């Protein structure tokens, strides 16, 4: 079971593929973080943001998790508005519109 809360029927093939990958990471914590972000945002992401998300998802789950939790510094290439949105969704600050 993926955990997704949305239907991907209206999404283009690229968004469906990214959404699937967001929910099927390998580390359950990252399934929840990236999957829930995808549920909330995938339909609204620009092509540039989709590019950034695909690049981010090529990184190991443990690294992404440590960047999001502050256990390790986030590499400069991921200091983006997209990464800030993902991080904000999973903090007490809640979602932000950047």
PDB file of N, CA and C in Angstrom:
ATOM      1  N   UNK A   1       0.836  -1.176   0.000  1.00  0.00           N
ATOM      2  CA  UNK A   1       0.000   0.000   0.000  1.00  0.00           C
ATOM      3  C   UNK A   1       0.882   1.239   0.000  1.00  0.00           C
ATOM      4  N   UNK A   2       0.578   2.169  -0.868  1.00  0.00           N
ATOM      5  CA  UNK A   2       1.446   3.329  -1.030  1.00  0.00           C
ATOM      6  C   UNK A   2       1.227   4.383   0.038  1.00  0.00           C
ATOM      7  N   UNK A   3       0.037   4.575   0.504  1.00  0.00           N
ATOM      8  CA  UNK A   3      -0.246   5.619   1.469  1.00  0.00           C
ATOM      9  C   UNK A   3      -0.754   6.893   0.824  1.00  0.00           C
ATOM     10  N   UNK A   4      -0.684   6.979  -0.500  1.00  0.00           N
ATOM     11  CA  UNK A   4      -1.118   8.182  -1.179  1.00  0.00           C
ATOM     12  C   UNK A   4      -2.585   8.481  -0.901  1.00  0.00           C
ATOM     13  N   UNK A   5      -2.886   9.748  -0.875  1.00  0.00           N
ATOM     14  CA  UNK A   5      -4.248  10.183  -0.600  1.00  0.00           C
ATOM     15  C   UNK A   5      -4.903  10.818  -1.815  1.00  0.00           C
ATOM     16  N   UNK A   6      -4.220  10.804  -2.965  1.00  0.00           N
ATOM     17  CA  UNK A   6      -4.773  11.425  -4.167  1.00  0.00           C
ATOM     18  C   UNK A   6      -4.829  10.422  -5.306  1.00  0.00           C
ATOM     19  N   UNK A   7      -5.643  10.719  -6.287  1.00  0.00           N
ATOM     20  CA  UNK A   7      -5.683   9.942  -7.515  1.00  0.00           C
ATOM     21  C   UNK A   7      -4.719  10.592  -8.505  1.00  0.00           C
ATOM     22  N   UNK A   8      -3.987   9.788  -9.214  1.00  0.00           N
ATOM     23  CA  UNK A   8      -3.060  10.324 -10.209  1.00  0.00           C
ATOM     24  C   UNK A   8      -3.671  10.312 -11.605  1.00  0.00           C
ATOM     25  N   UNK A   9      -4.941  10.011 -11.705  1.00  0.00           N
ATOM     26  CA  UNK A   9      -5.595   9.876 -13.006  1.00  0.00           C
ATOM     27  C   UNK A   9      -5.469  11.127 -13.872  1.00  0.00           C
ATOM     28  N   UNK A  10      -5.515  12.311 -13.292  1.00  0.00           N
ATOM     29  CA  UNK A  10      -5.454  13.534 -14.080  1.00  0.00           C
ATOM     30  C   UNK A  10      -4.050  14.066 -14.305  1.00  0.00           C
ATOM     31  N   UNK A  11      -3.042  13.363 -13.825  1.00  0.00           N
ATOM     32  CA  UNK A  11      -1.664  13.831 -13.952  1.00  0.00           C
ATOM     33  C   UNK A  11      -1.018  13.318 -15.228  1.00  0.00           C
ATOM     34  N   UNK A  12      -0.073  14.102 -15.767  1.00  0.00           N
ATOM     35  CA  UNK A  12       0.687  13.636 -16.930  1.00  0.00           C
ATOM     36  C   UNK A  12       1.647  12.532 -16.481  1.00  0.00           C
ATOM     37  N   UNK A  13       2.237  11.849 -17.456  1.00  0.00           N
ATOM     38  CA  UNK A  13       3.083  10.678 -17.162  1.00  0.00           C
ATOM     39  C   UNK A  13       4.260  11.030 -16.259  1.00  0.00           C
ATOM     40  N   UNK A  14       4.879  12.179 -16.484  1.00  0.00           N
ATOM     41  CA  UNK A  14       6.031  12.563 -15.659  1.00  0.00           C
ATOM     42  C   UNK A  14       5.609  12.735 -14.204  1.00  0.00           C
ATOM     43  N   UNK A  15       4.535  13.427 -13.968  1.00  0.00           N
ATOM     44  CA  UNK A  15       4.064  13.644 -12.595  1.00  0.00           C
ATOM     45  C   UNK A  15       3.645  12.327 -11.934  1.00  0.00           C
ATOM     46  N   UNK A  16       3.006  11.445 -12.687  1.00  0.00           N
ATOM     47  CA  UNK A  16       2.639  10.129 -12.124  1.00  0.00           C
ATOM     48  C   UNK A  16       3.893   9.357 -11.719  1.00  0.00           C
ATOM     49  N   UNK A  17       4.917   9.386 -12.551  1.00  0.00           N
ATOM     50  CA  UNK A  17       6.168   8.670 -12.261  1.00  0.00           C
ATOM     51  C   UNK A  17       6.836   9.248 -11.015  1.00  0.00           C
ATOM     52  N   UNK A  18       6.926  10.570 -10.936  1.00  0.00           N
ATOM     53  CA  UNK A  18       7.538  11.217  -9.771  1.00  0.00           C
ATOM     54  C   UNK A  18       6.730  10.922  -8.515  1.00  0.00           C
ATOM     55  N   UNK A  19       5.412  10.987  -8.629  1.00  0.00           N
ATOM     56  CA  UNK A  19       4.544  10.715  -7.475  1.00  0.00           C
ATOM     57  C   UNK A  19       4.753   9.282  -6.967  1.00  0.00           C
ATOM     58  N   UNK A  20       4.817   8.343  -7.883  1.00  0.00           N
ATOM     59  CA  UNK A  20       5.060   6.949  -7.492  1.00  0.00           C
ATOM     60  C   UNK A  20       6.395   6.834  -6.763  1.00  0.00           C
ATOM     61  N   UNK A  21       7.444   7.441  -7.321  1.00  0.00           N
ATOM     62  CA  UNK A  21       8.779   7.374  -6.700  1.00  0.00           C
ATOM     63  C   UNK A  21       8.783   8.029  -5.321  1.00  0.00           C
ATOM     64  N   UNK A  22       7.999   9.094  -5.157  1.00  0.00           N
ATOM     65  CA  UNK A  22       7.947   9.773  -3.862  1.00  0.00           C
ATOM     66  C   UNK A  22       7.374   8.859  -2.780  1.00  0.00           C
ATOM     67  N   UNK A  23       6.431   8.010  -3.154  1.00  0.00           N
ATOM     68  CA  UNK A  23       5.800   7.104  -2.187  1.00  0.00           C
ATOM     69  C   UNK A  23       6.507   5.761  -2.061  1.00  0.00           C
ATOM     70  N   UNK A  24       7.475   5.481  -2.911  1.00  0.00           N
ATOM     71  CA  UNK A  24       8.156   4.176  -2.885  1.00  0.00           C
ATOM     72  C   UNK A  24       9.663   4.399  -2.838  1.00  0.00           C
ATOM     73  N   UNK A  25      10.137   4.859  -1.692  1.00  0.00           N
ATOM     74  CA  UNK A  25      11.521   5.258  -1.536  1.00  0.00           C
ATOM     75  C   UNK A  25      12.423   4.110  -1.095  1.00  0.00           C
ATOM     76  N   UNK A  26      12.047   3.402  -0.061  1.00  0.00           N
ATOM     77  CA  UNK A  26      12.913   2.394   0.533  1.00  0.00           C
ATOM     78  C   UNK A  26      13.047   2.616   2.025  1.00  0.00           C
ATOM     79  N   UNK A  27      12.917   3.854   2.437  1.00  0.00           N
ATOM     80  CA  UNK A  27      12.931   4.215   3.858  1.00  0.00           C
ATOM     81  C   UNK A  27      11.552   4.799   4.161  1.00  0.00           C
ATOM     82  N   UNK A  28      10.816   4.158   5.038  1.00  0.00           N
ATOM     83  CA  UNK A  28       9.416   4.537   5.272  1.00  0.00           C
ATOM     84  C   UNK A  28       9.263   6.013   5.639  1.00  0.00           C
ATOM     85  N   UNK A  29      10.199   6.539   6.433  1.00  0.00           N
ATOM     86  CA  UNK A  29      10.124   7.956   6.793  1.00  0.00           C
ATOM     87  C   UNK A  29      10.150   8.843   5.547  1.00  0.00           C
ATOM     88  N   UNK A  30      10.958   8.474   4.574  1.00  0.00           N
ATOM     89  CA  UNK A  30      11.048   9.272   3.350  1.00  0.00           C
ATOM     90  C   UNK A  30       9.821   9.056   2.472  1.00  0.00           C
ATOM     91  N   UNK A  31       9.232   7.854   2.509  1.00  0.00           N
ATOM     92  CA  UNK A  31       7.947   7.647   1.821  1.00  0.00           C
ATOM     93  C   UNK A  31       6.938   8.663   2.327  1.00  0.00           C
ATOM     94  N   UNK A  32       6.866   8.801   3.639  1.00  0.00           N
ATOM     95  CA  UNK A  32       5.890   9.700   4.235  1.00  0.00           C
ATOM     96  C   UNK A  32       6.204  11.164   3.937  1.00  0.00           C
ATOM     97  N   UNK A  33       7.458  11.543   4.043  1.00  0.00           N
ATOM     98  CA  UNK A  33       7.821  12.942   3.812  1.00  0.00           C
ATOM     99  C   UNK A  33       7.624  13.327   2.351  1.00  0.00           C
ATOM    100  N   UNK A  34       8.268  12.595   1.444  1.00  0.00           N
ATOM    101  CA  UNK A  34       8.168  12.958   0.025  1.00  0.00           C
ATOM    102  C   UNK A  34       6.803  12.605  -0.551  1.00  0.00           C
ATOM    103  N   UNK A  35       6.212  11.514  -0.077  1.00  0.00           N
ATOM    104  CA  UNK A  35       4.892  11.130  -0.568  1.00  0.00           C
ATOM    105  C   UNK A  35       3.817  12.133  -0.197  1.00  0.00           C
ATOM    106  N   UNK A  36       3.821  12.565   1.044  1.00  0.00           N
ATOM    107  CA  UNK A  36       2.830  13.556   1.464  1.00  0.00           C
ATOM    108  C   UNK A  36       3.059  14.892   0.766  1.00  0.00           C
ATOM    109  N   UNK A  37       4.331  15.252   0.558  1.00  0.00           N
ATOM    110  CA  UNK A  37       4.612  16.473  -0.195  1.00  0.00           C
ATOM    111  C   UNK A  37       4.063  16.336  -1.610  1.00  0.00           C
ATOM    112  N   UNK A  38       4.291  15.194  -2.226  1.00  0.00           N
ATOM    113  CA  UNK A  38       3.797  14.966  -3.582  1.00  0.00           C
ATOM    114  C   UNK A  38       2.267  15.015  -3.619  1.00  0.00           C
ATOM    115  N   UNK A  39       1.617  14.385  -2.651  1.00  0.00           N
ATOM    116  CA  UNK A  39       0.149  14.454  -2.584  1.00  0.00           C
ATOM    117  C   UNK A  39      -0.323  15.903  -2.614  1.00  0.00           C
ATOM    118  N   UNK A  40       0.344  16.751  -1.836  1.00  0.00           N
ATOM    119  CA  UNK A  40      -0.089  18.136  -1.684  1.00  0.00           C
ATOM    120  C   UNK A  40       0.296  19.024  -2.862  1.00  0.00           C
ATOM    121  N   UNK A  41       1.424  18.739  -3.527  1.00  0.00           N
ATOM    122  CA  UNK A  41       1.991  19.711  -4.459  1.00  0.00           C
ATOM    123  C   UNK A  41       2.206  19.243  -5.901  1.00  0.00           C
ATOM    124  N   UNK A  42       2.191  17.957  -6.168  1.00  0.00           N
ATOM    125  CA  UNK A  42       2.631  17.455  -7.479  1.00  0.00           C
ATOM    126  C   UNK A  42       1.895  18.109  -8.653  1.00  0.00           C
ATOM    127  N   UNK A  43       0.627  18.356  -8.521  1.00  0.00           N
ATOM    128  CA  UNK A  43      -0.143  18.926  -9.630  1.00  0.00           C
ATOM    129  C   UNK A  43       0.229  20.378  -9.905  1.00  0.00           C
ATOM    130  N   UNK A  44       0.789  21.068  -8.897  1.00  0.00           N
ATOM    131  CA  UNK A  44       1.095  22.493  -9.034  1.00  0.00           C
ATOM    132  C   UNK A  44       2.557  22.800  -9.316  1.00  0.00           C
ATOM    133  N   UNK A  45       3.429  21.812  -9.256  1.00  0.00           N
ATOM    134  CA  UNK A  45       4.853  22.071  -9.442  1.00  0.00           C
ATOM    135  C   UNK A  45       5.163  22.451 -10.886  1.00  0.00           C
ATOM    136  N   UNK A  46       6.047  23.423 -11.037  1.00  0.00           N
ATOM    137  CA  UNK A  46       6.494  23.831 -12.371  1.00  0.00           C
ATOM    138  C   UNK A  46       7.472  22.790 -12.917  1.00  0.00           C
ATOM    139  N   UNK A  47       7.790  22.898 -14.184  1.00  0.00           N
ATOM    140  CA  UNK A  47       8.772  21.982 -14.779  1.00  0.00           C
ATOM    141  C   UNK A  47      10.112  22.095 -14.073  1.00  0.00           C
ATOM    142  N   UNK A  48      10.509  23.305 -13.722  1.00  0.00           N
ATOM    143  CA  UNK A  48      11.766  23.520 -13.006  1.00  0.00           C
ATOM    144  C   UNK A  48      11.736  22.842 -11.636  1.00  0.00           C
ATOM    145  N   UNK A  49      10.622  22.962 -10.938  1.00  0.00           N
ATOM    146  CA  UNK A  49      10.493  22.309  -9.632  1.00  0.00           C
ATOM    147  C   UNK A  49      10.478  20.792  -9.773  1.00  0.00           C
ATOM    148  N   UNK A  50       9.845  20.296 -10.823  1.00  0.00           N
ATOM    149  CA  UNK A  50       9.870  18.850 -11.073  1.00  0.00           C
ATOM    150  C   UNK A  50      11.297  18.379 -11.319  1.00  0.00           C
ATOM    151  N   UNK A  51      12.063  19.169 -12.085  1.00  0.00           N
ATOM    152  CA  UNK A  51      13.483  18.844 -12.311  1.00  0.00           C
ATOM    153  C   UNK A  51      14.214  18.745 -10.971  1.00  0.00           C
ATOM    154  N   UNK A  52      14.004  19.749 -10.108  1.00  0.00           N
ATOM    155  CA  UNK A  52      14.664  19.771  -8.800  1.00  0.00           C
ATOM    156  C   UNK A  52      14.262  18.576  -7.950  1.00  0.00           C
ATOM    157  N   UNK A  53      12.984  18.230  -7.978  1.00  0.00           N
ATOM    158  CA  UNK A  53      12.503  17.097  -7.189  1.00  0.00           C
ATOM    159  C   UNK A  53      13.104  15.791  -7.693  1.00  0.00           C
ATOM    160  N   UNK A  54      13.195  15.629  -9.005  1.00  0.00           N
ATOM    161  CA  UNK A  54      13.809  14.415  -9.558  1.00  0.00           C
ATOM    162  C   UNK A  54      15.277  14.313  -9.151  1.00  0.00           C
ATOM    163  N   UNK A  55      15.989  15.441  -9.181  1.00  0.00           N
ATOM    164  CA  UNK A  55      17.397  15.438  -8.773  1.00  0.00           C
ATOM    165  C   UNK A  55      17.518  15.096  -7.296  1.00  0.00           C
ATOM    166  N   UNK A  56      16.668  15.697  -6.470  1.00  0.00           N
ATOM    167  CA  UNK A  56      16.682  15.403  -5.039  1.00  0.00           C
ATOM    168  C   UNK A  56      16.432  13.924  -4.783  1.00  0.00           C
ATOM    169  N   UNK A  57      15.475  13.340  -5.493  1.00  0.00           N
ATOM    170  CA  UNK A  57      15.122  11.941  -5.246  1.00  0.00           C
ATOM    171  C   UNK A  57      16.183  10.959  -5.723  1.00  0.00           C
ATOM    172  N   UNK A  58      17.200  11.441  -6.425  1.00  0.00           N
ATOM    173  CA  UNK A  58      18.335  10.581  -6.788  1.00  0.00           C
ATOM    174  C   UNK A  58      19.296  10.398  -5.608  1.00  0.00           C
ATOM    175  N   UNK A  59      19.180  11.268  -4.614  1.00  0.00           N
ATOM    176  CA  UNK A  59      20.055  11.189  -3.441  1.00  0.00           C
ATOM    177  C   UNK A  59      19.590  10.069  -2.513  1.00  0.00           C
ATOM    178  N   UNK A  60      20.500   9.516  -1.723  1.00  0.00           N
ATOM    179  CA  UNK A  60      20.117   8.466  -0.765  1.00  0.00           C
ATOM    180  C   UNK A  60      19.124   8.996   0.272  1.00  0.00           C
ATOM    181  N   UNK A  61      18.158   8.156   0.613  1.00  0.00           N
ATOM    182  CA  UNK A  61      17.133   8.532   1.584  1.00  0.00           C
ATOM    183  C   UNK A  61      17.736   9.043   2.889  1.00  0.00           C
ATOM    184  N   UNK A  62      18.729   8.346   3.393  1.00  0.00           N
ATOM    185  CA  UNK A  62      19.322   8.726   4.687  1.00  0.00           C
ATOM    186  C   UNK A  62      19.896  10.136   4.616  1.00  0.00           C
ATOM    187  N   UNK A  63      20.537  10.490   3.503  1.00  0.00           N
ATOM    188  CA  UNK A  63      21.097  11.839   3.352  1.00  0.00           C
ATOM    189  C   UNK A  63      19.985  12.881   3.358  1.00  0.00           C
ATOM    190  N   UNK A  64      18.941  12.651   2.562  1.00  0.00           N
ATOM    191  CA  UNK A  64      17.825  13.604   2.509  1.00  0.00           C
ATOM    192  C   UNK A  64      17.212  13.755   3.892  1.00  0.00           C
ATOM    193  N   UNK A  65      17.022  12.646   4.584  1.00  0.00           N
ATOM    194  CA  UNK A  65      16.430  12.678   5.919  1.00  0.00           C
ATOM    195  C   UNK A  65      17.287  13.506   6.873  1.00  0.00           C
ATOM    196  N   UNK A  66      18.602  13.326   6.810  1.00  0.00           N
ATOM    197  CA  UNK A  66      19.495  14.085   7.695  1.00  0.00           C
ATOM    198  C   UNK A  66      19.472  15.575   7.354  1.00  0.00           C
ATOM    199  N   UNK A  67      19.342  15.921   6.077  1.00  0.00           N
ATOM    200  CA  UNK A  67      19.255  17.335   5.693  1.00  0.00           C
ATOM    201  C   UNK A  67      17.956  17.946   6.221  1.00  0.00           C
ATOM    202  N   UNK A  68      16.875  17.193   6.112  1.00  0.00           N
ATOM    203  CA  UNK A  68      15.575  17.699   6.546  1.00  0.00           C
ATOM    204  C   UNK A  68      15.487  17.857   8.064  1.00  0.00           C
ATOM    205  N   UNK A  69      16.150  16.979   8.787  1.00  0.00           N
ATOM    206  CA  UNK A  69      16.090  17.029  10.242  1.00  0.00           C
ATOM    207  C   UNK A  69      17.192  17.890  10.844  1.00  0.00           C
ATOM    208  N   UNK A  70      18.121  18.341  10.026  1.00  0.00           N
ATOM    209  CA  UNK A  70      19.219  19.159  10.524  1.00  0.00           C
ATOM    210  C   UNK A  70      20.370  18.367  11.104  1.00  0.00           C
ATOM    211  N   UNK A  71      20.336  17.040  10.957  1.00  0.00           N
ATOM    212  CA  UNK A  71      21.439  16.204  11.445  1.00  0.00           C
ATOM    213  C   UNK A  71      22.708  16.428  10.642  1.00  0.00           C
ATOM    214  N   UNK A  72      22.549  16.877   9.409  1.00  0.00           N
ATOM    215  CA  UNK A  72      23.687  17.155   8.531  1.00  0.00           C
ATOM    216  C   UNK A  72      23.359  18.419   7.737  1.00  0.00           C
ATOM    217  N   UNK A  73      24.382  19.182   7.376  1.00  0.00           N
ATOM    218  CA  UNK A  73      24.118  20.388   6.583  1.00  0.00           C
ATOM    219  C   UNK A  73      23.601  20.026   5.192  1.00  0.00           C
ATOM    220  N   UNK A  74      22.674  20.820   4.721  1.00  0.00           N
ATOM    221  CA  UNK A  74      22.123  20.614   3.384  1.00  0.00           C
ATOM    222  C   UNK A  74      23.117  21.137   2.352  1.00  0.00           C
ATOM    223  N   UNK A  75      23.470  20.327   1.364  1.00  0.00           N
ATOM    224  CA  UNK A  75      24.383  20.801   0.323  1.00  0.00           C
ATOM    225  C   UNK A  75      23.814  22.027  -0.400  1.00  0.00           C
ATOM    226  N   UNK A  76      24.686  22.886  -0.836  1.00  0.00           N
ATOM    227  CA  UNK A  76      24.292  24.154  -1.465  1.00  0.00           C
ATOM    228  C   UNK A  76      23.328  23.952  -2.625  1.00  0.00           C
ATOM    229  N   UNK A  77      23.504  22.903  -3.406  1.00  0.00           N
ATOM    230  CA  UNK A  77      22.642  22.695  -4.576  1.00  0.00           C
ATOM    231  C   UNK A  77      21.186  22.404  -4.212  1.00  0.00           C
ATOM    232  N   UNK A  78      20.939  22.097  -2.938  1.00  0.00           N
ATOM    233  CA  UNK A  78      19.567  21.836  -2.503  1.00  0.00           C
ATOM    234  C   UNK A  78      18.984  22.975  -1.665  1.00  0.00           C
ATOM    235  N   UNK A  79      19.681  24.096  -1.616  1.00  0.00           N
ATOM    236  CA  UNK A  79      19.134  25.291  -0.958  1.00  0.00           C
ATOM    237  C   UNK A  79      18.206  25.971  -1.954  1.00  0.00           C
ATOM    238  N   UNK A  80      17.028  25.396  -2.116  1.00  0.00           N
ATOM    239  CA  UNK A  80      16.054  25.875  -3.088  1.00  0.00           C
ATOM    240  C   UNK A  80      14.722  26.120  -2.394  1.00  0.00           C
ATOM    241  N   UNK A  81      13.866  26.861  -3.061  1.00  0.00           N
ATOM    242  CA  UNK A  81      12.516  27.080  -2.529  1.00  0.00           C
ATOM    243  C   UNK A  81      11.771  25.752  -2.418  1.00  0.00           C
ATOM    244  N   UNK A  82      12.007  24.842  -3.360  1.00  0.00           N
ATOM    245  CA  UNK A  82      11.348  23.532  -3.316  1.00  0.00           C
ATOM    246  C   UNK A  82      11.750  22.768  -2.062  1.00  0.00           C
ATOM    247  N   UNK A  83      13.044  22.714  -1.759  1.00  0.00           N
ATOM    248  CA  UNK A  83      13.507  22.009  -0.566  1.00  0.00           C
ATOM    249  C   UNK A  83      12.930  22.667   0.687  1.00  0.00           C
ATOM    250  N   UNK A  84      12.865  23.993   0.699  1.00  0.00           N
ATOM    251  CA  UNK A  84      12.284  24.704   1.837  1.00  0.00           C
ATOM    252  C   UNK A  84      10.813  24.334   2.015  1.00  0.00           C
ATOM    253  N   UNK A  85      10.076  24.169   0.914  1.00  0.00           N
ATOM    254  CA  UNK A  85       8.669  23.757   0.990  1.00  0.00           C
ATOM    255  C   UNK A  85       8.544  22.358   1.591  1.00  0.00           C
ATOM    256  N   UNK A  86       9.392  21.449   1.128  1.00  0.00           N
ATOM    257  CA  UNK A  86       9.357  20.075   1.648  1.00  0.00           C
ATOM    258  C   UNK A  86       9.649  20.092   3.139  1.00  0.00           C
ATOM    259  N   UNK A  87      10.678  20.812   3.530  1.00  0.00           N
ATOM    260  CA  UNK A  87      11.071  20.873   4.938  1.00  0.00           C
ATOM    261  C   UNK A  87       9.976  21.512   5.786  1.00  0.00           C
ATOM    262  N   UNK A  88       9.380  22.575   5.292  1.00  0.00           N
ATOM    263  CA  UNK A  88       8.344  23.283   6.061  1.00  0.00           C
ATOM    264  C   UNK A  88       7.112  22.417   6.292  1.00  0.00           C
ATOM    265  N   UNK A  89       6.794  21.545   5.347  1.00  0.00           N
ATOM    266  CA  UNK A  89       5.626  20.672   5.521  1.00  0.00           C
ATOM    267  C   UNK A  89       5.793  19.714   6.682  1.00  0.00           C
ATOM    268  N   UNK A  90       7.033  19.461   7.085  1.00  0.00           N
ATOM    269  CA  UNK A  90       7.281  18.438   8.091  1.00  0.00           C
ATOM    270  C   UNK A  90       7.942  19.010   9.333  1.00  0.00           C
ATOM    271  N   UNK A  91       7.648  20.278   9.598  1.00  0.00           N
ATOM    272  CA  UNK A  91       8.069  20.911  10.838  1.00  0.00           C
ATOM    273  C   UNK A  91       6.837  21.490  11.484  1.00  0.00           C
ATOM    274  N   UNK A  92       6.999  22.035  12.623  1.00  0.00           N
ATOM    275  CA  UNK A  92       5.864  22.649  13.310  1.00  0.00           C
ATOM    276  C   UNK A  92       5.415  23.926  12.624  1.00  0.00           C
ATOM    277  N   UNK A  93       6.241  24.445  11.720  1.00  0.00           N
ATOM    278  CA  UNK A  93       5.879  25.667  11.008  1.00  0.00           C
ATOM    279  C   UNK A  93       4.743  25.409  10.012  1.00  0.00           C
ATOM    280  N   UNK A  94       4.612  24.172   9.565  1.00  0.00           N
ATOM    281  CA  UNK A  94       3.571  23.827   8.600  1.00  0.00           C
ATOM    282  C   UNK A  94       3.906  24.303   7.204  1.00  0.00           C
ATOM    283  N   UNK A  95       3.004  24.083   6.271  1.00  0.00           N
ATOM    284  CA  UNK A  95       3.262  24.454   4.868  1.00  0.00           C
ATOM    285  C   UNK A  95       3.449  25.965   4.720  1.00  0.00           C
ATOM    286  N   UNK A  96       4.288  26.319   3.774  1.00  0.00           N
ATOM    287  CA  UNK A  96       4.495  27.726   3.457  1.00  0.00           C
ATOM    288  C   UNK A  96       4.341  27.912   1.960  1.00  0.00           C
ATOM    289  N   UNK A  97       3.933  29.083   1.581  1.00  0.00           N
ATOM    290  CA  UNK A  97       3.861  29.421   0.159  1.00  0.00           C
ATOM    291  C   UNK A  97       5.080  30.266  -0.172  1.00  0.00           C
ATOM    292  N   UNK A  98       6.017  29.677  -0.892  1.00  0.00           N
ATOM    293  CA  UNK A  98       7.237  30.388  -1.285  1.00  0.00           C
ATOM    294  C   UNK A  98       7.184  30.754  -2.741  1.00  0.00           C
TER     295      UNK A  98
END
